Amino acid sequence: MSNHQVVFKSKALYIAVCTVLLLWFIYFIEIQFGFNFNKFGIFPKTLKGLKGVLFSPFIHSDIKHLFNNSIPLLAMLWSLYYFYGKIASKVLLIGLLLTGILTWSFARPSYHIGASGVVYMLVSFIFFSGLLRKYYRLIALSLAVVFLYGSMIWYIFPVEERISWEGHLSGFIVGLSFAVLFRKLGPQPEQFQYSENEEFEKLFDENGNFVPPEED
């Protein structure tokens, strides 16, 4: 394991916790001082709404909205940086931007806020990455993701008016795309090498049958 990987594994939980605490701090500032940060969300197909591509994941409508995003975001960020440390920041930052841009390009004319688009991007990436890499540890992680968050799949469809299903769908698409594009980067299945042993091979014939050695 490289030093780079060790650093990310040791700091994975730290990065996840600090990110979630930042969201809570921003919400505290908004409530404490009577601000309304919703105007910094994504407003589709408008120039002013583009700023939400950067800011919307940090803005939440109420404490329930924030709490519902905090737990899966904490779990997915920890998983991302622990298992995919070498490409984790690239996936997170570029994924955040692309999810926001995709949401901006087709969503309903309303302010879209919250970290759920990023959560869907991470869930999608981690799930499909494990399957595509055919690495038993990552497949186990994929199954855990399905067990914990499989019901989230329904919210990429317009099942509830107040929920930004467009942001969820955008995150899901970006995560799946990244799983395909980055499948050769980051952790790969372990390759076992077997050394040749001529003396050992002499104990078997061409059909694989054991041939006892001749006694001297």
N, C-alpha and C. Protein backbone atom coordinates (compact mmCIF):
# COMPACT_ATOMS: atom_id res chain seq x y z
N MET A 1 0.84 -1.19 0.00
CA MET A 1 0.00 0.00 0.00
C MET A 1 0.88 1.24 0.00
N SER A 2 0.58 2.21 -0.86
CA SER A 2 1.40 3.41 -0.97
C SER A 2 1.13 4.34 0.20
N ASN A 3 2.09 5.27 0.43
CA ASN A 3 1.92 6.26 1.48
C ASN A 3 0.70 7.13 1.22
N HIS A 4 0.44 7.39 -0.06
CA HIS A 4 -0.71 8.20 -0.46
C HIS A 4 -2.01 7.55 0.00
N GLN A 5 -2.11 6.24 -0.18
CA GLN A 5 -3.32 5.52 0.22
C GLN A 5 -3.47 5.49 1.73
N VAL A 6 -2.35 5.32 2.45
CA VAL A 6 -2.39 5.28 3.90
C VAL A 6 -2.89 6.59 4.47
N VAL A 7 -2.44 7.70 3.89
CA VAL A 7 -2.87 9.02 4.35
C VAL A 7 -4.38 9.17 4.21
N PHE A 8 -4.91 8.81 3.05
CA PHE A 8 -6.34 8.96 2.83
C PHE A 8 -7.15 8.03 3.73
N LYS A 9 -6.69 6.81 3.94
CA LYS A 9 -7.41 5.88 4.81
C LYS A 9 -7.47 6.41 6.23
N SER A 10 -6.36 6.99 6.71
CA SER A 10 -6.31 7.49 8.08
C SER A 10 -7.13 8.76 8.25
N LYS A 11 -7.33 9.51 7.18
CA LYS A 11 -8.06 10.78 7.27
C LYS A 11 -9.47 10.70 6.71
N ALA A 12 -9.89 9.53 6.29
CA ALA A 12 -11.19 9.39 5.64
C ALA A 12 -12.33 9.86 6.54
N LEU A 13 -12.35 9.39 7.78
CA LEU A 13 -13.41 9.77 8.70
C LEU A 13 -13.31 11.25 9.04
N TYR A 14 -12.10 11.75 9.19
CA TYR A 14 -11.88 13.16 9.50
C TYR A 14 -12.46 14.05 8.41
N ILE A 15 -12.20 13.71 7.14
CA ILE A 15 -12.72 14.49 6.01
C ILE A 15 -14.24 14.45 6.00
N ALA A 16 -14.81 13.28 6.22
CA ALA A 16 -16.26 13.13 6.19
C ALA A 16 -16.92 13.94 7.30
N VAL A 17 -16.39 13.83 8.51
CA VAL A 17 -16.97 14.53 9.65
C VAL A 17 -16.86 16.04 9.47
N CYS A 18 -15.70 16.52 9.03
CA CYS A 18 -15.51 17.96 8.85
C CYS A 18 -16.46 18.52 7.78
N THR A 19 -16.68 17.76 6.73
CA THR A 19 -17.60 18.21 5.68
C THR A 19 -19.02 18.36 6.21
N VAL A 20 -19.47 17.36 6.96
CA VAL A 20 -20.82 17.41 7.51
C VAL A 20 -20.95 18.53 8.54
N LEU A 21 -19.92 18.71 9.37
CA LEU A 21 -19.95 19.80 10.35
C LEU A 21 -20.01 21.16 9.67
N LEU A 22 -19.37 21.29 8.51
CA LEU A 22 -19.43 22.54 7.75
C LEU A 22 -20.87 22.84 7.34
N LEU A 23 -21.61 21.82 6.90
CA LEU A 23 -23.00 22.02 6.52
C LEU A 23 -23.83 22.51 7.71
N TRP A 24 -23.59 21.91 8.87
CA TRP A 24 -24.32 22.31 10.06
C TRP A 24 -23.94 23.72 10.50
N PHE A 25 -22.69 24.08 10.34
CA PHE A 25 -22.24 25.43 10.70
C PHE A 25 -22.91 26.47 9.81
N ILE A 26 -22.98 26.18 8.52
CA ILE A 26 -23.63 27.11 7.58
C ILE A 26 -25.11 27.26 7.93
N TYR A 27 -25.76 26.16 8.27
CA TYR A 27 -27.17 26.23 8.65
C TYR A 27 -27.34 27.03 9.93
N PHE A 28 -26.43 26.86 10.89
CA PHE A 28 -26.47 27.61 12.15
C PHE A 28 -26.35 29.11 11.89
N ILE A 29 -25.42 29.49 11.01
CA ILE A 29 -25.26 30.90 10.67
C ILE A 29 -26.53 31.46 10.05
N GLU A 30 -27.14 30.68 9.17
CA GLU A 30 -28.36 31.12 8.50
C GLU A 30 -29.49 31.36 9.50
N ILE A 31 -29.66 30.44 10.45
CA ILE A 31 -30.73 30.56 11.44
C ILE A 31 -30.41 31.62 12.48
N GLN A 32 -29.18 31.62 12.95
CA GLN A 32 -28.79 32.52 14.03
C GLN A 32 -28.92 33.99 13.62
N PHE A 33 -28.59 34.29 12.39
CA PHE A 33 -28.57 35.69 11.96
C PHE A 33 -29.72 36.02 10.99
N GLY A 34 -30.65 35.10 10.84
CA GLY A 34 -31.83 35.38 10.04
C GLY A 34 -31.59 35.50 8.55
N PHE A 35 -30.56 34.85 8.06
CA PHE A 35 -30.29 34.87 6.62
C PHE A 35 -31.18 33.86 5.89
N ASN A 36 -31.30 34.07 4.60
CA ASN A 36 -31.97 33.10 3.74
C ASN A 36 -31.05 32.83 2.56
N PHE A 37 -30.39 31.67 2.60
CA PHE A 37 -29.40 31.33 1.57
C PHE A 37 -30.02 30.63 0.36
N ASN A 38 -31.34 30.48 0.36
CA ASN A 38 -31.98 29.76 -0.75
C ASN A 38 -31.67 30.38 -2.10
N LYS A 39 -31.49 31.70 -2.12
CA LYS A 39 -31.22 32.40 -3.38
C LYS A 39 -29.86 32.02 -3.97
N PHE A 40 -29.05 31.32 -3.19
CA PHE A 40 -27.77 30.83 -3.69
C PHE A 40 -27.88 29.40 -4.23
N GLY A 41 -29.11 28.89 -4.31
CA GLY A 41 -29.32 27.56 -4.86
C GLY A 41 -29.30 27.58 -6.39
N ILE A 42 -29.49 26.43 -6.96
CA ILE A 42 -29.54 26.30 -8.42
C ILE A 42 -30.92 26.76 -8.91
N PHE A 43 -30.94 27.74 -9.79
CA PHE A 43 -32.18 28.10 -10.46
C PHE A 43 -31.96 27.81 -11.95
N PRO A 44 -32.60 26.76 -12.45
CA PRO A 44 -32.28 26.25 -13.79
C PRO A 44 -32.44 27.26 -14.91
N LYS A 45 -31.54 27.13 -15.87
CA LYS A 45 -31.58 27.84 -17.15
C LYS A 45 -31.55 29.36 -17.00
N THR A 46 -30.98 29.85 -15.90
CA THR A 46 -30.76 31.28 -15.74
C THR A 46 -29.30 31.50 -15.37
N LEU A 47 -28.77 32.63 -15.79
CA LEU A 47 -27.37 32.93 -15.50
C LEU A 47 -27.12 33.05 -14.01
N LYS A 48 -28.03 33.72 -13.31
CA LYS A 48 -27.85 33.89 -11.86
C LYS A 48 -27.96 32.55 -11.14
N GLY A 49 -28.71 31.63 -11.73
CA GLY A 49 -28.88 30.33 -11.09
C GLY A 49 -27.67 29.43 -11.17
N LEU A 50 -26.69 29.81 -12.00
CA LEU A 50 -25.47 28.99 -12.13
C LEU A 50 -24.63 28.98 -10.86
N LYS A 51 -24.72 30.05 -10.07
CA LYS A 51 -23.92 30.09 -8.84
C LYS A 51 -24.29 28.96 -7.89
N GLY A 52 -25.52 28.47 -8.05
CA GLY A 52 -25.96 27.36 -7.21
C GLY A 52 -25.22 26.06 -7.47
N VAL A 53 -24.58 25.95 -8.63
CA VAL A 53 -23.78 24.76 -8.93
C VAL A 53 -22.72 24.58 -7.84
N LEU A 54 -22.16 25.68 -7.37
CA LEU A 54 -21.14 25.63 -6.32
C LEU A 54 -21.74 25.64 -4.92
N PHE A 55 -22.80 26.44 -4.73
CA PHE A 55 -23.27 26.72 -3.38
C PHE A 55 -24.42 25.83 -2.91
N SER A 56 -25.22 25.31 -3.83
CA SER A 56 -26.44 24.60 -3.42
C SER A 56 -26.22 23.41 -2.48
N PRO A 57 -25.13 22.62 -2.63
CA PRO A 57 -24.97 21.48 -1.72
C PRO A 57 -24.78 21.87 -0.26
N PHE A 58 -24.47 23.15 0.00
CA PHE A 58 -24.22 23.60 1.36
C PHE A 58 -25.44 24.27 2.00
N ILE A 59 -26.55 24.31 1.27
CA ILE A 59 -27.74 25.02 1.73
C ILE A 59 -28.88 24.03 1.94
N HIS A 60 -29.59 24.18 3.08
CA HIS A 60 -30.71 23.28 3.37
C HIS A 60 -31.90 24.07 3.88
N SER A 61 -33.09 23.58 3.56
CA SER A 61 -34.32 24.32 3.86
C SER A 61 -34.68 24.31 5.33
N ASP A 62 -34.43 23.20 6.02
CA ASP A 62 -34.73 23.11 7.45
C ASP A 62 -33.85 22.02 8.07
N ILE A 63 -33.99 21.86 9.37
CA ILE A 63 -33.10 20.93 10.08
C ILE A 63 -33.37 19.47 9.69
N LYS A 64 -34.62 19.15 9.34
CA LYS A 64 -34.94 17.79 8.90
C LYS A 64 -34.24 17.50 7.58
N HIS A 65 -34.29 18.46 6.66
CA HIS A 65 -33.62 18.33 5.37
C HIS A 65 -32.12 18.10 5.58
N LEU A 66 -31.52 18.88 6.47
CA LEU A 66 -30.09 18.76 6.74
C LEU A 66 -29.76 17.43 7.40
N PHE A 67 -30.56 17.02 8.35
CA PHE A 67 -30.30 15.77 9.06
C PHE A 67 -30.41 14.57 8.11
N ASN A 68 -31.43 14.59 7.25
CA ASN A 68 -31.62 13.49 6.30
C ASN A 68 -30.46 13.34 5.32
N ASN A 69 -29.78 14.44 5.02
CA ASN A 69 -28.62 14.38 4.13
C ASN A 69 -27.32 14.08 4.87
N SER A 70 -27.26 14.43 6.15
CA SER A 70 -26.00 14.34 6.90
C SER A 70 -25.52 12.91 7.08
N ILE A 71 -26.41 12.01 7.45
CA ILE A 71 -26.00 10.64 7.75
C ILE A 71 -25.50 9.92 6.50
N PRO A 72 -26.27 9.90 5.40
CA PRO A 72 -25.74 9.23 4.20
C PRO A 72 -24.51 9.93 3.63
N LEU A 73 -24.43 11.26 3.75
CA LEU A 73 -23.25 11.97 3.26
C LEU A 73 -22.02 11.57 4.07
N LEU A 74 -22.17 11.47 5.37
CA LEU A 74 -21.06 11.04 6.24
C LEU A 74 -20.59 9.64 5.85
N ALA A 75 -21.53 8.73 5.68
CA ALA A 75 -21.18 7.35 5.34
C ALA A 75 -20.54 7.24 3.96
N MET A 76 -21.08 7.95 2.98
CA MET A 76 -20.56 7.85 1.62
C MET A 76 -19.20 8.55 1.47
N LEU A 77 -19.01 9.68 2.14
CA LEU A 77 -17.71 10.35 2.07
C LEU A 77 -16.63 9.50 2.73
N TRP A 78 -16.96 8.90 3.87
CA TRP A 78 -15.98 8.02 4.53
C TRP A 78 -15.63 6.86 3.61
N SER A 79 -16.63 6.24 3.00
CA SER A 79 -16.39 5.11 2.09
C SER A 79 -15.55 5.54 0.89
N LEU A 80 -15.88 6.71 0.34
CA LEU A 80 -15.15 7.20 -0.84
C LEU A 80 -13.68 7.40 -0.53
N TYR A 81 -13.39 8.09 0.56
CA TYR A 81 -11.99 8.40 0.87
C TYR A 81 -11.24 7.20 1.44
N TYR A 82 -11.94 6.28 2.07
CA TYR A 82 -11.27 5.10 2.61
C TYR A 82 -10.91 4.10 1.51
N PHE A 83 -11.85 3.84 0.60
CA PHE A 83 -11.63 2.82 -0.42
C PHE A 83 -11.11 3.38 -1.74
N TYR A 84 -11.38 4.64 -2.01
CA TYR A 84 -10.99 5.22 -3.30
C TYR A 84 -10.13 6.47 -3.11
N GLY A 85 -9.27 6.44 -2.08
CA GLY A 85 -8.50 7.61 -1.70
C GLY A 85 -7.77 8.31 -2.83
N LYS A 86 -7.20 7.56 -3.74
CA LYS A 86 -6.39 8.15 -4.81
C LYS A 86 -7.21 9.00 -5.76
N ILE A 87 -8.47 8.67 -5.96
CA ILE A 87 -9.32 9.42 -6.90
C ILE A 87 -10.50 10.08 -6.19
N ALA A 88 -10.53 10.01 -4.85
CA ALA A 88 -11.70 10.47 -4.10
C ALA A 88 -12.01 11.95 -4.33
N SER A 89 -11.00 12.81 -4.22
CA SER A 89 -11.23 14.24 -4.37
C SER A 89 -11.68 14.59 -5.78
N LYS A 90 -11.11 13.90 -6.77
CA LYS A 90 -11.51 14.12 -8.16
C LYS A 90 -12.99 13.76 -8.35
N VAL A 91 -13.38 12.61 -7.82
CA VAL A 91 -14.77 12.17 -7.94
C VAL A 91 -15.70 13.16 -7.24
N LEU A 92 -15.34 13.58 -6.04
CA LEU A 92 -16.20 14.46 -5.25
C LEU A 92 -16.35 15.83 -5.90
N LEU A 93 -15.26 16.47 -6.23
CA LEU A 93 -15.31 17.85 -6.71
C LEU A 93 -15.88 17.96 -8.13
N ILE A 94 -15.37 17.12 -9.03
CA ILE A 94 -15.90 17.16 -10.40
C ILE A 94 -17.33 16.65 -10.42
N GLY A 95 -17.61 15.64 -9.60
CA GLY A 95 -18.97 15.11 -9.53
C GLY A 95 -19.96 16.15 -9.02
N LEU A 96 -19.54 16.93 -8.02
CA LEU A 96 -20.39 18.00 -7.49
C LEU A 96 -20.74 19.01 -8.59
N LEU A 97 -19.73 19.41 -9.35
CA LEU A 97 -19.94 20.39 -10.42
C LEU A 97 -20.84 19.85 -11.52
N LEU A 98 -20.57 18.65 -11.98
CA LEU A 98 -21.35 18.07 -13.07
C LEU A 98 -22.80 17.79 -12.65
N THR A 99 -22.98 17.35 -11.40
CA THR A 99 -24.34 17.13 -10.90
C THR A 99 -25.12 18.44 -10.89
N GLY A 100 -24.46 19.50 -10.43
CA GLY A 100 -25.11 20.81 -10.42
C GLY A 100 -25.43 21.33 -11.81
N ILE A 101 -24.48 21.19 -12.72
CA ILE A 101 -24.69 21.67 -14.09
C ILE A 101 -25.82 20.90 -14.77
N LEU A 102 -25.84 19.58 -14.56
CA LEU A 102 -26.90 18.77 -15.17
C LEU A 102 -28.26 19.16 -14.60
N THR A 103 -28.33 19.38 -13.29
CA THR A 103 -29.57 19.83 -12.66
C THR A 103 -30.02 21.17 -13.24
N TRP A 104 -29.07 22.08 -13.36
CA TRP A 104 -29.35 23.42 -13.90
C TRP A 104 -29.90 23.34 -15.32
N SER A 105 -29.47 22.35 -16.08
CA SER A 105 -29.80 22.29 -17.51
C SER A 105 -31.23 21.84 -17.80
N PHE A 106 -31.88 21.13 -16.85
CA PHE A 106 -33.20 20.60 -17.20
C PHE A 106 -34.24 20.64 -16.09
N ALA A 107 -33.86 21.04 -14.89
CA ALA A 107 -34.80 20.96 -13.76
C ALA A 107 -35.90 22.01 -13.85
N ARG A 108 -36.90 21.86 -12.99
CA ARG A 108 -38.02 22.80 -12.93
C ARG A 108 -37.54 24.19 -12.52
N PRO A 109 -38.26 25.24 -12.92
CA PRO A 109 -37.88 26.60 -12.55
C PRO A 109 -38.17 26.91 -11.08
N SER A 110 -37.24 26.50 -10.24
CA SER A 110 -37.36 26.71 -8.80
C SER A 110 -35.95 26.62 -8.22
N TYR A 111 -35.76 27.08 -6.99
CA TYR A 111 -34.45 26.95 -6.36
C TYR A 111 -34.25 25.51 -5.88
N HIS A 112 -33.17 24.91 -6.32
CA HIS A 112 -32.82 23.55 -5.94
C HIS A 112 -31.63 23.61 -4.98
N ILE A 113 -31.85 23.14 -3.76
CA ILE A 113 -30.82 23.23 -2.72
C ILE A 113 -30.65 21.88 -2.04
N GLY A 114 -29.53 21.75 -1.33
CA GLY A 114 -29.28 20.54 -0.54
C GLY A 114 -28.18 19.67 -1.10
N ALA A 115 -27.62 18.84 -0.24
CA ALA A 115 -26.51 17.96 -0.61
C ALA A 115 -26.97 16.63 -1.17
N SER A 116 -28.27 16.46 -1.36
CA SER A 116 -28.76 15.14 -1.78
C SER A 116 -28.29 14.75 -3.17
N GLY A 117 -28.10 15.73 -4.07
CA GLY A 117 -27.57 15.40 -5.39
C GLY A 117 -26.18 14.78 -5.28
N VAL A 118 -25.36 15.33 -4.39
CA VAL A 118 -24.02 14.79 -4.16
C VAL A 118 -24.11 13.41 -3.51
N VAL A 119 -25.04 13.24 -2.58
CA VAL A 119 -25.23 11.94 -1.95
C VAL A 119 -25.58 10.88 -2.99
N TYR A 120 -26.50 11.21 -3.89
CA TYR A 120 -26.88 10.25 -4.94
C TYR A 120 -25.71 9.96 -5.87
N MET A 121 -24.91 10.97 -6.15
CA MET A 121 -23.73 10.76 -6.99
C MET A 121 -22.76 9.77 -6.32
N LEU A 122 -22.54 9.95 -5.02
CA LEU A 122 -21.61 9.07 -4.30
C LEU A 122 -22.16 7.66 -4.16
N VAL A 123 -23.45 7.54 -3.83
CA VAL A 123 -24.06 6.22 -3.72
C VAL A 123 -23.97 5.47 -5.05
N SER A 124 -24.30 6.17 -6.13
CA SER A 124 -24.24 5.56 -7.46
C SER A 124 -22.83 5.16 -7.83
N PHE A 125 -21.87 6.04 -7.59
CA PHE A 125 -20.47 5.74 -7.93
C PHE A 125 -19.96 4.55 -7.14
N ILE A 126 -20.18 4.54 -5.84
CA ILE A 126 -19.64 3.48 -4.99
C ILE A 126 -20.31 2.14 -5.31
N PHE A 127 -21.61 2.16 -5.57
CA PHE A 127 -22.31 0.91 -5.89
C PHE A 127 -21.81 0.32 -7.20
N PHE A 128 -21.84 1.11 -8.26
CA PHE A 128 -21.47 0.58 -9.58
C PHE A 128 -19.97 0.32 -9.70
N SER A 129 -19.16 1.08 -8.99
CA SER A 129 -17.71 0.84 -9.03
C SER A 129 -17.36 -0.54 -8.50
N GLY A 130 -18.00 -0.92 -7.40
CA GLY A 130 -17.74 -2.23 -6.83
C GLY A 130 -18.08 -3.35 -7.79
N LEU A 131 -19.19 -3.20 -8.49
CA LEU A 131 -19.61 -4.23 -9.45
C LEU A 131 -18.70 -4.28 -10.67
N LEU A 132 -18.36 -3.12 -11.20
CA LEU A 132 -17.55 -3.07 -12.43
C LEU A 132 -16.12 -3.54 -12.19
N ARG A 133 -15.58 -3.29 -11.03
CA ARG A 133 -14.19 -3.67 -10.74
C ARG A 133 -14.06 -5.15 -10.40
N LYS A 134 -15.17 -5.80 -10.04
CA LYS A 134 -15.17 -7.22 -9.67
C LYS A 134 -14.14 -7.51 -8.57
N TYR A 135 -14.13 -6.61 -7.61
CA TYR A 135 -13.22 -6.71 -6.48
C TYR A 135 -14.07 -7.06 -5.26
N TYR A 136 -13.80 -8.19 -4.61
CA TYR A 136 -14.72 -8.70 -3.61
C TYR A 136 -14.96 -7.72 -2.48
N ARG A 137 -13.94 -6.96 -2.07
CA ARG A 137 -14.13 -5.99 -0.99
C ARG A 137 -15.09 -4.88 -1.40
N LEU A 138 -14.95 -4.42 -2.63
CA LEU A 138 -15.80 -3.34 -3.11
C LEU A 138 -17.20 -3.83 -3.45
N ILE A 139 -17.31 -5.10 -3.87
CA ILE A 139 -18.64 -5.67 -4.08
C ILE A 139 -19.38 -5.76 -2.76
N ALA A 140 -18.67 -6.15 -1.70
CA ALA A 140 -19.28 -6.18 -0.37
C ALA A 140 -19.75 -4.80 0.05
N LEU A 141 -18.95 -3.78 -0.27
CA LEU A 141 -19.34 -2.40 0.02
C LEU A 141 -20.58 -2.02 -0.79
N SER A 142 -20.63 -2.44 -2.06
CA SER A 142 -21.79 -2.16 -2.90
C SER A 142 -23.05 -2.78 -2.32
N LEU A 143 -22.95 -4.00 -1.83
CA LEU A 143 -24.11 -4.66 -1.24
C LEU A 143 -24.55 -3.94 0.03
N ALA A 144 -23.58 -3.45 0.80
CA ALA A 144 -23.92 -2.68 2.01
C ALA A 144 -24.65 -1.39 1.64
N VAL A 145 -24.20 -0.75 0.57
CA VAL A 145 -24.85 0.48 0.10
C VAL A 145 -26.29 0.20 -0.31
N VAL A 146 -26.50 -0.89 -1.03
CA VAL A 146 -27.85 -1.26 -1.45
C VAL A 146 -28.73 -1.53 -0.23
N PHE A 147 -28.18 -2.23 0.74
CA PHE A 147 -28.95 -2.56 1.95
C PHE A 147 -29.36 -1.30 2.70
N LEU A 148 -28.44 -0.34 2.80
CA LEU A 148 -28.71 0.87 3.57
C LEU A 148 -29.53 1.90 2.81
N TYR A 149 -29.23 2.05 1.51
CA TYR A 149 -29.81 3.17 0.77
C TYR A 149 -30.53 2.76 -0.52
N GLY A 150 -30.83 1.48 -0.65
CA GLY A 150 -31.49 1.01 -1.86
C GLY A 150 -32.83 1.69 -2.12
N SER A 151 -33.56 2.03 -1.05
CA SER A 151 -34.87 2.66 -1.22
C SER A 151 -34.77 4.06 -1.82
N MET A 152 -33.57 4.65 -1.82
CA MET A 152 -33.39 5.98 -2.39
C MET A 152 -33.66 6.02 -3.88
N ILE A 153 -33.61 4.87 -4.53
CA ILE A 153 -33.75 4.83 -5.99
C ILE A 153 -35.07 5.44 -6.44
N TRP A 154 -36.11 5.34 -5.59
CA TRP A 154 -37.43 5.86 -5.98
C TRP A 154 -37.42 7.38 -6.14
N TYR A 155 -36.50 8.03 -5.45
CA TYR A 155 -36.50 9.50 -5.46
C TYR A 155 -35.73 10.10 -6.62
N ILE A 156 -35.35 9.27 -7.60
CA ILE A 156 -34.85 9.84 -8.85
C ILE A 156 -36.01 10.06 -9.82
N PHE A 157 -37.22 9.74 -9.34
CA PHE A 157 -38.44 9.94 -10.11
C PHE A 157 -39.28 11.01 -9.41
N PRO A 158 -40.17 11.67 -10.14
CA PRO A 158 -40.98 12.74 -9.54
C PRO A 158 -42.11 12.20 -8.68
N VAL A 159 -41.75 11.63 -7.52
CA VAL A 159 -42.76 11.03 -6.65
C VAL A 159 -43.26 12.00 -5.59
N GLU A 160 -42.54 13.10 -5.37
CA GLU A 160 -42.95 14.07 -4.36
C GLU A 160 -42.60 15.47 -4.84
N GLU A 161 -43.54 16.37 -4.75
CA GLU A 161 -43.42 17.70 -5.33
C GLU A 161 -42.25 18.50 -4.76
N ARG A 162 -42.05 18.43 -3.45
CA ARG A 162 -41.05 19.27 -2.80
C ARG A 162 -39.63 18.75 -2.95
N ILE A 163 -39.48 17.53 -3.43
CA ILE A 163 -38.16 16.92 -3.55
C ILE A 163 -37.58 17.18 -4.94
N SER A 164 -36.31 17.58 -4.98
CA SER A 164 -35.65 17.82 -6.26
C SER A 164 -35.20 16.49 -6.87
N TRP A 165 -36.15 15.81 -7.48
CA TRP A 165 -35.80 14.54 -8.11
C TRP A 165 -34.81 14.75 -9.26
N GLU A 166 -34.83 15.95 -9.85
CA GLU A 166 -33.89 16.26 -10.92
C GLU A 166 -32.44 16.24 -10.41
N GLY A 167 -32.24 16.79 -9.21
CA GLY A 167 -30.90 16.74 -8.61
C GLY A 167 -30.48 15.33 -8.28
N HIS A 168 -31.43 14.52 -7.79
CA HIS A 168 -31.14 13.12 -7.47
C HIS A 168 -30.77 12.35 -8.74
N LEU A 169 -31.58 12.55 -9.79
CA LEU A 169 -31.32 11.85 -11.05
C LEU A 169 -29.99 12.28 -11.64
N SER A 170 -29.68 13.57 -11.56
CA SER A 170 -28.41 14.07 -12.08
C SER A 170 -27.24 13.42 -11.34
N GLY A 171 -27.33 13.36 -10.01
CA GLY A 171 -26.28 12.73 -9.23
C GLY A 171 -26.13 11.25 -9.57
N PHE A 172 -27.24 10.57 -9.74
CA PHE A 172 -27.21 9.15 -10.07
C PHE A 172 -26.51 8.93 -11.41
N ILE A 173 -26.84 9.75 -12.41
CA ILE A 173 -26.24 9.61 -13.74
C ILE A 173 -24.74 9.90 -13.70
N VAL A 174 -24.36 10.96 -12.99
CA VAL A 174 -22.94 11.33 -12.89
C VAL A 174 -22.16 10.23 -12.17
N GLY A 175 -22.71 9.70 -11.08
CA GLY A 175 -22.03 8.63 -10.34
C GLY A 175 -21.83 7.39 -11.18
N LEU A 176 -22.85 7.00 -11.92
CA LEU A 176 -22.74 5.84 -12.81
C LEU A 176 -21.70 6.09 -13.89
N SER A 177 -21.69 7.28 -14.47
CA SER A 177 -20.72 7.62 -15.51
C SER A 177 -19.30 7.58 -14.97
N PHE A 178 -19.10 8.10 -13.77
CA PHE A 178 -17.77 8.08 -13.16
C PHE A 178 -17.32 6.66 -12.85
N ALA A 179 -18.25 5.81 -12.44
CA ALA A 179 -17.90 4.41 -12.16
C ALA A 179 -17.35 3.73 -13.40
N VAL A 180 -17.92 4.06 -14.55
CA VAL A 180 -17.44 3.50 -15.82
C VAL A 180 -16.12 4.14 -16.23
N LEU A 181 -16.05 5.47 -16.18
CA LEU A 181 -14.86 6.19 -16.65
C LEU A 181 -13.63 5.91 -15.79
N PHE A 182 -13.82 5.77 -14.48
CA PHE A 182 -12.69 5.61 -13.56
C PHE A 182 -12.47 4.16 -13.14
N ARG A 183 -13.07 3.22 -13.86
CA ARG A 183 -12.99 1.82 -13.42
C ARG A 183 -11.57 1.27 -13.43
N LYS A 184 -10.66 1.87 -14.20
CA LYS A 184 -9.27 1.42 -14.23
C LYS A 184 -8.39 2.18 -13.25
N LEU A 185 -8.97 3.17 -12.59
CA LEU A 185 -8.22 3.97 -11.61
C LEU A 185 -8.64 3.58 -10.20
N GLY A 186 -7.72 3.76 -9.25
CA GLY A 186 -8.06 3.41 -7.88
C GLY A 186 -7.89 1.93 -7.62
N PRO A 187 -8.57 1.40 -6.60
CA PRO A 187 -8.37 0.00 -6.21
C PRO A 187 -8.78 -0.98 -7.29
N GLN A 188 -7.98 -2.04 -7.43
CA GLN A 188 -8.24 -3.08 -8.43
C GLN A 188 -8.18 -4.44 -7.75
N PRO A 189 -8.81 -5.45 -8.36
CA PRO A 189 -8.75 -6.80 -7.78
C PRO A 189 -7.30 -7.26 -7.61
N GLU A 190 -7.06 -7.99 -6.54
CA GLU A 190 -5.72 -8.51 -6.28
C GLU A 190 -5.35 -9.55 -7.33
N GLN A 191 -4.15 -9.41 -7.86
CA GLN A 191 -3.64 -10.37 -8.84
C GLN A 191 -2.65 -11.31 -8.16
N PHE A 192 -2.94 -12.59 -8.19
CA PHE A 192 -2.07 -13.57 -7.56
C PHE A 192 -1.11 -14.14 -8.59
N GLN A 193 0.16 -14.18 -8.25
CA GLN A 193 1.19 -14.71 -9.12
C GLN A 193 1.68 -16.04 -8.58
N TYR A 194 1.77 -17.01 -9.45
CA TYR A 194 2.24 -18.33 -9.05
C TYR A 194 3.58 -18.60 -9.72
N SER A 195 4.57 -18.94 -8.94
CA SER A 195 5.89 -19.23 -9.50
C SER A 195 5.92 -20.66 -10.02
N GLU A 196 6.66 -20.85 -11.10
CA GLU A 196 6.76 -22.18 -11.69
C GLU A 196 7.76 -23.03 -10.90
N ASN A 197 7.44 -24.27 -10.72
CA ASN A 197 8.30 -25.20 -10.00
C ASN A 197 8.41 -26.46 -10.84
N GLU A 198 9.54 -26.60 -11.52
CA GLU A 198 9.70 -27.71 -12.45
C GLU A 198 9.64 -29.05 -11.74
N GLU A 199 10.22 -29.14 -10.55
CA GLU A 199 10.22 -30.40 -9.83
C GLU A 199 8.81 -30.81 -9.45
N PHE A 200 8.01 -29.79 -9.05
CA PHE A 200 6.62 -30.08 -8.69
C PHE A 200 5.82 -30.53 -9.90
N GLU A 201 6.06 -29.88 -11.05
CA GLU A 201 5.32 -30.20 -12.26
C GLU A 201 5.60 -31.61 -12.74
N LYS A 202 6.79 -32.13 -12.43
CA LYS A 202 7.15 -33.48 -12.85
C LYS A 202 6.31 -34.54 -12.16
N LEU A 203 5.63 -34.15 -11.07
CA LEU A 203 4.82 -35.11 -10.32
C LEU A 203 3.47 -35.37 -10.99
N PHE A 204 3.18 -34.66 -12.09
CA PHE A 204 1.91 -34.82 -12.78
C PHE A 204 2.14 -35.04 -14.26
N ASP A 205 1.29 -35.90 -14.88
CA ASP A 205 1.40 -36.12 -16.31
C ASP A 205 0.63 -35.04 -17.07
N GLU A 206 0.59 -35.16 -18.39
CA GLU A 206 -0.04 -34.14 -19.21
C GLU A 206 -1.55 -34.03 -18.99
N ASN A 207 -2.14 -35.08 -18.37
CA ASN A 207 -3.57 -35.05 -18.07
C ASN A 207 -3.87 -34.60 -16.64
N GLY A 208 -2.81 -34.23 -15.93
CA GLY A 208 -3.00 -33.76 -14.57
C GLY A 208 -3.04 -34.85 -13.54
N ASN A 209 -2.71 -36.08 -13.93
CA ASN A 209 -2.72 -37.20 -12.98
C ASN A 209 -1.41 -37.25 -12.21
N PHE A 210 -1.51 -37.61 -10.92
CA PHE A 210 -0.33 -37.68 -10.08
C PHE A 210 0.51 -38.89 -10.46
N VAL A 211 1.81 -38.64 -10.62
CA VAL A 211 2.75 -39.70 -10.96
C VAL A 211 3.79 -39.80 -9.85
N PRO A 212 3.74 -40.88 -9.08
CA PRO A 212 4.70 -41.01 -7.98
C PRO A 212 6.14 -40.98 -8.50
N PRO A 213 7.04 -40.35 -7.78
CA PRO A 213 8.44 -40.32 -8.22
C PRO A 213 9.06 -41.70 -8.14
N GLU A 214 9.94 -42.00 -9.08
CA GLU A 214 10.62 -43.30 -9.08
C GLU A 214 11.61 -43.37 -7.95
N GLU A 215 11.62 -44.54 -7.29
CA GLU A 215 12.57 -44.73 -6.20
C GLU A 215 13.95 -45.06 -6.75
N ASP A 216 14.94 -44.53 -6.11
CA ASP A 216 16.33 -44.81 -6.54
C ASP A 216 16.70 -46.24 -6.21
